[in-house]
Amino acid sequence: MTTTILDLSGLKCPLPALKTRKALGGIAPGDRLEVRCTDPLALIDIPHLVNEMGYRLENTGRDGERSVFLIEKPADPA
């Protein structure tokens, strides 16, 4: 299992969600993507995107000014 870090600090809506969608398409099933954002709307957009794509949001947290999302791409997406 590999974790890729995607730092989207400074980007505003809708770019964090769009770049997260693109990055999720590029990782292998079973791997994880850690997304770091400063946009407050990402707290709504990223979980919604993950749910819509059928992936799993393992963790949501804070690192200073950034929201951090840990997303797993399942072996068999819904």
C-alpha atoms as a PDB file:
ATOM      1  CA  MET A   1       0.000   0.000   0.000  1.00  0.00           C
ATOM      2  CA  THR A   2       1.424   3.352  -1.078  1.00  0.00           C
ATOM      3  CA  THR A   3       0.346   6.780   0.186  1.00  0.00           C
ATOM      4  CA  THR A   4       0.714   9.715  -2.199  1.00  0.00           C
ATOM      5  CA  ILE A   5       0.657  13.249  -0.767  1.00  0.00           C
ATOM      6  CA  LEU A   6      -1.153  15.965  -2.702  1.00  0.00           C
ATOM      7  CA  ASP A   7      -0.561  19.464  -1.288  1.00  0.00           C
ATOM      8  CA  LEU A   8      -3.238  21.830  -2.596  1.00  0.00           C
ATOM      9  CA  SER A   9      -2.537  24.638  -0.126  1.00  0.00           C
ATOM     10  CA  GLY A  10      -3.503  28.056  -1.462  1.00  0.00           C
ATOM     11  CA  LEU A  11      -5.920  26.763  -4.105  1.00  0.00           C
ATOM     12  CA  LYS A  12      -9.537  27.910  -3.994  1.00  0.00           C
ATOM     13  CA  CYS A  13     -12.769  26.102  -4.849  1.00  0.00           C
ATOM     14  CA  PRO A  14     -13.280  24.228  -7.160  1.00  0.00           C
ATOM     15  CA  LEU A  15      -9.584  23.427  -7.799  1.00  0.00           C
ATOM     16  CA  PRO A  16      -8.971  21.215  -4.713  1.00  0.00           C
ATOM     17  CA  ALA A  17     -11.863  18.912  -5.635  1.00  0.00           C
ATOM     18  CA  LEU A  18     -10.921  18.828  -9.328  1.00  0.00           C
ATOM     19  CA  LYS A  19      -7.262  18.064  -8.639  1.00  0.00           C
ATOM     20  CA  THR A  20      -8.219  15.441  -6.049  1.00  0.00           C
ATOM     21  CA  ARG A  21     -10.489  13.704  -8.584  1.00  0.00           C
ATOM     22  CA  LYS A  22      -7.672  13.657 -11.142  1.00  0.00           C
ATOM     23  CA  ALA A  23      -5.123  12.354  -8.610  1.00  0.00           C
ATOM     24  CA  LEU A  24      -7.473   9.577  -7.456  1.00  0.00           C
ATOM     25  CA  GLY A  25      -7.720   8.389 -11.043  1.00  0.00           C
ATOM     26  CA  GLY A  26      -3.950   8.006 -11.143  1.00  0.00           C
ATOM     27  CA  ILE A  27      -3.389   5.816  -8.085  1.00  0.00           C
ATOM     28  CA  ALA A  28      -3.621   2.036  -7.969  1.00  0.00           C
ATOM     29  CA  PRO A  29      -6.461   0.192  -6.212  1.00  0.00           C
ATOM     30  CA  GLY A  30      -5.593  -0.300  -2.546  1.00  0.00           C
ATOM     31  CA  ASP A  31      -3.360   2.788  -2.454  1.00  0.00           C
ATOM     32  CA  ARG A  32      -4.097   5.950  -0.523  1.00  0.00           C
ATOM     33  CA  LEU A  33      -4.066   9.645  -1.292  1.00  0.00           C
ATOM     34  CA  GLU A  34      -3.388  12.225   1.422  1.00  0.00           C
ATOM     35  CA  VAL A  35      -4.836  15.581   0.374  1.00  0.00           C
ATOM     36  CA  ARG A  36      -3.832  18.800   2.156  1.00  0.00           C
ATOM     37  CA  CYS A  37      -5.940  21.930   1.551  1.00  0.00           C
ATOM     38  CA  THR A  38      -6.328  25.422   2.982  1.00  0.00           C
ATOM     39  CA  ASP A  39      -9.676  26.132   1.265  1.00  0.00           C
ATOM     40  CA  PRO A  40     -12.450  25.962   3.896  1.00  0.00           C
ATOM     41  CA  LEU A  41     -14.921  24.627   1.319  1.00  0.00           C
ATOM     42  CA  ALA A  42     -12.746  21.520   0.934  1.00  0.00           C
ATOM     43  CA  LEU A  43     -14.265  20.307   4.222  1.00  0.00           C
ATOM     44  CA  ILE A  44     -17.508  19.893   2.277  1.00  0.00           C
ATOM     45  CA  ASP A  45     -16.266  19.222  -1.243  1.00  0.00           C
ATOM     46  CA  ILE A  46     -13.644  16.511  -0.649  1.00  0.00           C
ATOM     47  CA  PRO A  47     -15.818  14.179   1.481  1.00  0.00           C
ATOM     48  CA  HIS A  48     -18.659  14.618  -1.023  1.00  0.00           C
ATOM     49  CA  LEU A  49     -16.328  13.779  -3.928  1.00  0.00           C
ATOM     50  CA  VAL A  50     -14.957  10.697  -2.154  1.00  0.00           C
ATOM     51  CA  ASN A  51     -18.464   9.437  -1.438  1.00  0.00           C
ATOM     52  CA  GLU A  52     -19.597  10.154  -4.999  1.00  0.00           C
ATOM     53  CA  MET A  53     -16.654   8.182  -6.434  1.00  0.00           C
ATOM     54  CA  GLY A  54     -17.228   5.225  -4.105  1.00  0.00           C
ATOM     55  CA  TYR A  55     -13.867   5.572  -2.370  1.00  0.00           C
ATOM     56  CA  ARG A  56     -13.216   5.487   1.374  1.00  0.00           C
ATOM     57  CA  LEU A  57     -12.399   8.525   3.487  1.00  0.00           C
ATOM     58  CA  GLU A  58     -10.167   6.990   6.160  1.00  0.00           C
ATOM     59  CA  ASN A  59      -9.435  10.133   8.136  1.00  0.00           C
ATOM     60  CA  THR A  60     -10.039  13.881   8.225  1.00  0.00           C
ATOM     61  CA  GLY A  61      -7.896  16.120  10.389  1.00  0.00           C
ATOM     62  CA  ARG A  62      -6.038  19.403  10.739  1.00  0.00           C
ATOM     63  CA  ASP A  63      -2.373  20.283  10.364  1.00  0.00           C
ATOM     64  CA  GLY A  64      -2.063  23.923  11.338  1.00  0.00           C
ATOM     65  CA  GLU A  65      -4.056  25.913   8.781  1.00  0.00           C
ATOM     66  CA  ARG A  66      -4.572  22.898   6.519  1.00  0.00           C
ATOM     67  CA  SER A  67      -7.322  20.313   6.372  1.00  0.00           C
ATOM     68  CA  VAL A  68      -5.910  16.843   5.758  1.00  0.00           C
ATOM     69  CA  PHE A  69      -7.895  14.033   4.121  1.00  0.00           C
ATOM     70  CA  LEU A  70      -6.693  10.442   3.858  1.00  0.00           C
ATOM     71  CA  ILE A  71      -8.530   8.657   1.031  1.00  0.00           C
ATOM     72  CA  GLU A  72      -8.260   4.988   0.081  1.00  0.00           C
ATOM     73  CA  LYS A  73      -8.971   3.786  -3.435  1.00  0.00           C
ATOM     74  CA  PRO A  74     -10.739   0.445  -2.986  1.00  0.00           C
ATOM     75  CA  ALA A  75      -9.807  -2.621  -4.998  1.00  0.00           C
ATOM     76  CA  ASP A  76     -13.335  -2.643  -6.446  1.00  0.00           C
ATOM     77  CA  PRO A  77     -14.783   0.927  -6.586  1.00  0.00           C
ATOM     78  CA  ALA A  78     -18.544   1.268  -6.477  1.00  0.00           C
END
